[in-house]
C-alpha atoms as a PDB file:
ATOM      1  CA  MET A   1      -0.022   0.089  -0.021  1.00  0.00           C
ATOM      2  CA  PRO A   2       1.452   3.426  -0.891  1.00  0.00           C
ATOM      3  CA  GLU A   3       2.088   5.691   2.088  1.00  0.00           C
ATOM      4  CA  ARG A   4      -0.242   8.539   2.393  1.00  0.00           C
ATOM      5  CA  THR A   5       1.192  11.958   3.215  1.00  0.00           C
ATOM      6  CA  LEU A   6      -0.760  15.206   4.098  1.00  0.00           C
ATOM      7  CA  ASP A   7       0.678  18.750   4.661  1.00  0.00           C
ATOM      8  CA  ASP A   8       1.657  19.979   8.037  1.00  0.00           C
ATOM      9  CA  GLU A   9      -1.237  22.399   8.425  1.00  0.00           C
ATOM     10  CA  THR A  10      -3.934  19.813   7.518  1.00  0.00           C
ATOM     11  CA  ARG A  11      -2.316  17.273   9.947  1.00  0.00           C
ATOM     12  CA  TYR A  12      -2.223  19.696  12.800  1.00  0.00           C
ATOM     13  CA  THR A  13      -5.802  20.871  12.214  1.00  0.00           C
ATOM     14  CA  LEU A  14      -7.146  17.376  11.871  1.00  0.00           C
ATOM     15  CA  LEU A  15      -5.292  16.143  14.992  1.00  0.00           C
ATOM     16  CA  ARG A  16      -6.619  19.199  17.099  1.00  0.00           C
ATOM     17  CA  ARG A  17     -10.140  18.866  15.855  1.00  0.00           C
ATOM     18  CA  LEU A  18     -10.330  15.048  16.589  1.00  0.00           C
ATOM     19  CA  GLU A  19      -8.664  15.580  19.937  1.00  0.00           C
ATOM     20  CA  ASN A  20     -11.336  17.977  20.852  1.00  0.00           C
ATOM     21  CA  ASN A  21     -14.202  16.190  19.247  1.00  0.00           C
ATOM     22  CA  PRO A  22     -13.327  12.663  18.400  1.00  0.00           C
ATOM     23  CA  GLY A  23     -17.031  11.812  17.270  1.00  0.00           C
ATOM     24  CA  LEU A  24     -16.927  14.412  14.222  1.00  0.00           C
ATOM     25  CA  SER A  25     -18.122  12.563  11.144  1.00  0.00           C
ATOM     26  CA  GLN A  26     -15.860  12.887   7.928  1.00  0.00           C
ATOM     27  CA  ARG A  27     -18.636  15.034   6.529  1.00  0.00           C
ATOM     28  CA  GLU A  28     -18.406  17.389   9.610  1.00  0.00           C
ATOM     29  CA  LEU A  29     -14.503  17.461   9.365  1.00  0.00           C
ATOM     30  CA  ALA A  30     -14.622  18.196   5.731  1.00  0.00           C
ATOM     31  CA  LYS A  31     -17.101  21.178   6.245  1.00  0.00           C
ATOM     32  CA  GLU A  32     -15.050  22.620   9.060  1.00  0.00           C
ATOM     33  CA  LEU A  33     -11.737  22.184   7.174  1.00  0.00           C
ATOM     34  CA  GLY A  34     -13.135  23.518   4.027  1.00  0.00           C
ATOM     35  CA  ILE A  35     -12.038  20.465   2.010  1.00  0.00           C
ATOM     36  CA  SER A  36     -13.855  17.821   0.000  1.00  0.00           C
ATOM     37  CA  LEU A  37     -15.068  14.692   1.582  1.00  0.00           C
ATOM     38  CA  GLY A  38     -12.651  12.624  -0.651  1.00  0.00           C
ATOM     39  CA  LYS A  39      -9.613  14.541   0.766  1.00  0.00           C
ATOM     40  CA  THR A  40     -10.977  14.248   4.456  1.00  0.00           C
ATOM     41  CA  ASN A  41     -11.209  10.503   3.897  1.00  0.00           C
ATOM     42  CA  TYR A  42      -7.584  10.432   2.400  1.00  0.00           C
ATOM     43  CA  CYS A  43      -6.266  12.395   5.183  1.00  0.00           C
ATOM     44  CA  LEU A  44      -7.857  10.284   7.940  1.00  0.00           C
ATOM     45  CA  LYS A  45      -6.380   7.145   6.225  1.00  0.00           C
ATOM     46  CA  ALA A  46      -3.044   8.689   6.378  1.00  0.00           C
ATOM     47  CA  LEU A  47      -3.319   9.441  10.071  1.00  0.00           C
ATOM     48  CA  LEU A  48      -4.516   5.951  10.616  1.00  0.00           C
ATOM     49  CA  ASP A  49      -1.621   4.430   8.470  1.00  0.00           C
ATOM     50  CA  LYS A  50       0.924   6.500  10.663  1.00  0.00           C
ATOM     51  CA  GLY A  51      -0.845   5.084  13.624  1.00  0.00           C
ATOM     52  CA  TYR A  52      -1.654   8.748  14.980  1.00  0.00           C
ATOM     53  CA  ILE A  53      -5.517   8.000  15.307  1.00  0.00           C
ATOM     54  CA  LYS A  54      -7.523   4.650  15.688  1.00  0.00           C
ATOM     55  CA  ALA A  55     -11.018   4.441  14.588  1.00  0.00           C
ATOM     56  CA  ALA A  56     -13.833   2.499  16.311  1.00  0.00           C
ATOM     57  CA  ASN A  57     -17.506   2.209  15.643  1.00  0.00           C
ATOM     58  CA  PHE A  58     -19.785   3.905  18.042  1.00  0.00           C
ATOM     59  CA  LYS A  59     -21.518   1.212  19.966  1.00  0.00           C
ATOM     60  CA  ASN A  60     -25.366   1.321  19.904  1.00  0.00           C
ATOM     61  CA  ASN A  61     -25.336   3.780  17.140  1.00  0.00           C
ATOM     62  CA  GLN A  62     -27.878   3.257  14.411  1.00  0.00           C
ATOM     63  CA  ASN A  63     -25.413   4.624  11.851  1.00  0.00           C
ATOM     64  CA  LYS A  64     -22.984   1.696  11.673  1.00  0.00           C
ATOM     65  CA  ARG A  65     -20.730   3.938   9.570  1.00  0.00           C
ATOM     66  CA  ALA A  66     -20.150   6.487  12.450  1.00  0.00           C
ATOM     67  CA  TYR A  67     -16.601   6.212  13.823  1.00  0.00           C
ATOM     68  CA  LEU A  68     -14.959   7.640  16.932  1.00  0.00           C
ATOM     69  CA  TYR A  69     -11.441   8.854  15.986  1.00  0.00           C
ATOM     70  CA  GLN A  70      -9.089   8.646  19.051  1.00  0.00           C
ATOM     71  CA  LEU A  71      -5.581   9.861  19.155  1.00  0.00           C
ATOM     72  CA  THR A  72      -3.111   7.323  19.979  1.00  0.00           C
ATOM     73  CA  PRO A  73       0.062   8.131  21.987  1.00  0.00           C
ATOM     74  CA  ALA A  74       1.865   8.630  18.743  1.00  0.00           C
ATOM     75  CA  GLY A  75      -0.906  10.911  17.555  1.00  0.00           C
ATOM     76  CA  VAL A  76      -0.629  13.002  20.803  1.00  0.00           C
ATOM     77  CA  ALA A  77       3.106  13.261  20.307  1.00  0.00           C
ATOM     78  CA  ALA A  78       2.679  14.263  16.553  1.00  0.00           C
ATOM     79  CA  LYS A  79       0.028  16.828  17.577  1.00  0.00           C
ATOM     80  CA  SER A  80       2.648  18.375  19.970  1.00  0.00           C
ATOM     81  CA  ARG A  81       5.364  18.409  17.305  1.00  0.00           C
ATOM     82  CA  ALA A  82       2.781  19.865  14.644  1.00  0.00           C
ATOM     83  CA  THR A  83       1.663  22.464  17.124  1.00  0.00           C
ATOM     84  CA  SER A  84       5.249  23.695  17.693  1.00  0.00           C
ATOM     85  CA  GLN A  85       5.932  23.804  13.888  1.00  0.00           C
ATOM     86  CA  PHE A  86       2.754  25.390  13.040  1.00  0.00           C
ATOM     87  CA  LEU A  87       3.356  28.149  16.016  1.00  0.00           C
ATOM     88  CA  ALA A  88       6.936  28.703  14.687  1.00  0.00           C
ATOM     89  CA  ARG A  89       5.699  29.083  11.163  1.00  0.00           C
ATOM     90  CA  LYS A  90       2.955  31.604  12.161  1.00  0.00           C
ATOM     91  CA  GLN A  91       5.563  33.520  14.241  1.00  0.00           C
ATOM     92  CA  GLN A  92       7.792  33.893  11.072  1.00  0.00           C
ATOM     93  CA  GLU A  93       4.832  35.056   9.010  1.00  0.00           C
ATOM     94  CA  TYR A  94       3.888  37.512  11.802  1.00  0.00           C
ATOM     95  CA  GLU A  95       7.365  39.052  11.678  1.00  0.00           C
ATOM     96  CA  ARG A  96       7.532  39.302   8.038  1.00  0.00           C
ATOM     97  CA  LEU A  97       4.215  41.126   8.093  1.00  0.00           C
ATOM     98  CA  ALA A  98       5.114  43.318  10.898  1.00  0.00           C
ATOM     99  CA  ALA A  99       8.250  44.298   8.816  1.00  0.00           C
ATOM    100  CA  GLU A 100       6.244  44.834   5.761  1.00  0.00           C
ATOM    101  CA  ILE A 101       3.750  46.986   7.671  1.00  0.00           C
ATOM    102  CA  GLU A 102       6.628  49.021   9.193  1.00  0.00           C
ATOM    103  CA  GLU A 103       8.087  49.523   5.778  1.00  0.00           C
ATOM    104  CA  LEU A 104       4.780  50.683   4.379  1.00  0.00           C
ATOM    105  CA  GLN A 105       4.154  53.049   7.346  1.00  0.00           C
ATOM    106  CA  ARG A 106       7.537  54.497   6.536  1.00  0.00           C
ATOM    107  CA  GLU A 107       6.834  54.911   2.847  1.00  0.00           C
ATOM    108  CA  ALA A 108       3.344  56.441   3.679  1.00  0.00           C
ATOM    109  CA  GLY A 109       4.927  58.929   6.088  1.00  0.00           C
ATOM    110  CA  GLN A 110       7.467  59.893   3.568  1.00  0.00           C
ATOM    111  CA  ALA A 111       5.002  60.336   0.908  1.00  0.00           C
ATOM    112  CA  SER A 112       2.868  62.668   3.005  1.00  0.00           C
ATOM    113  CA  THR A 113       5.829  64.807   3.816  1.00  0.00           C
ATOM    114  CA  ASP A 114       7.082  64.844   0.237  1.00  0.00           C
ATOM    115  CA  GLY A 115       3.537  65.878  -1.153  1.00  0.00           C
END
């Protein structure tokens, strides 16, 4: 079976959502993430393949296709790593934007004194 891969942000978001609400359906996850149901299924299978989540049928649920997605210890560790990486990337984005804003403010200030 080919190894399934998914990007860091999708992995982080899925692990976070499943940790907070393991009973979300694939359809609900797809809607929350703004991705197709097929991609959601693919991503969940990638997490299953990596051993980050396990899926179990709800007991006494009339919809026998409803699953409870639980993070495994490896999934908790992966979420922790993904959170750190996601935070670092967002901080870098913030710093770039702050520098760009500062430059634009200087340009705008210079333009108003030149005019």
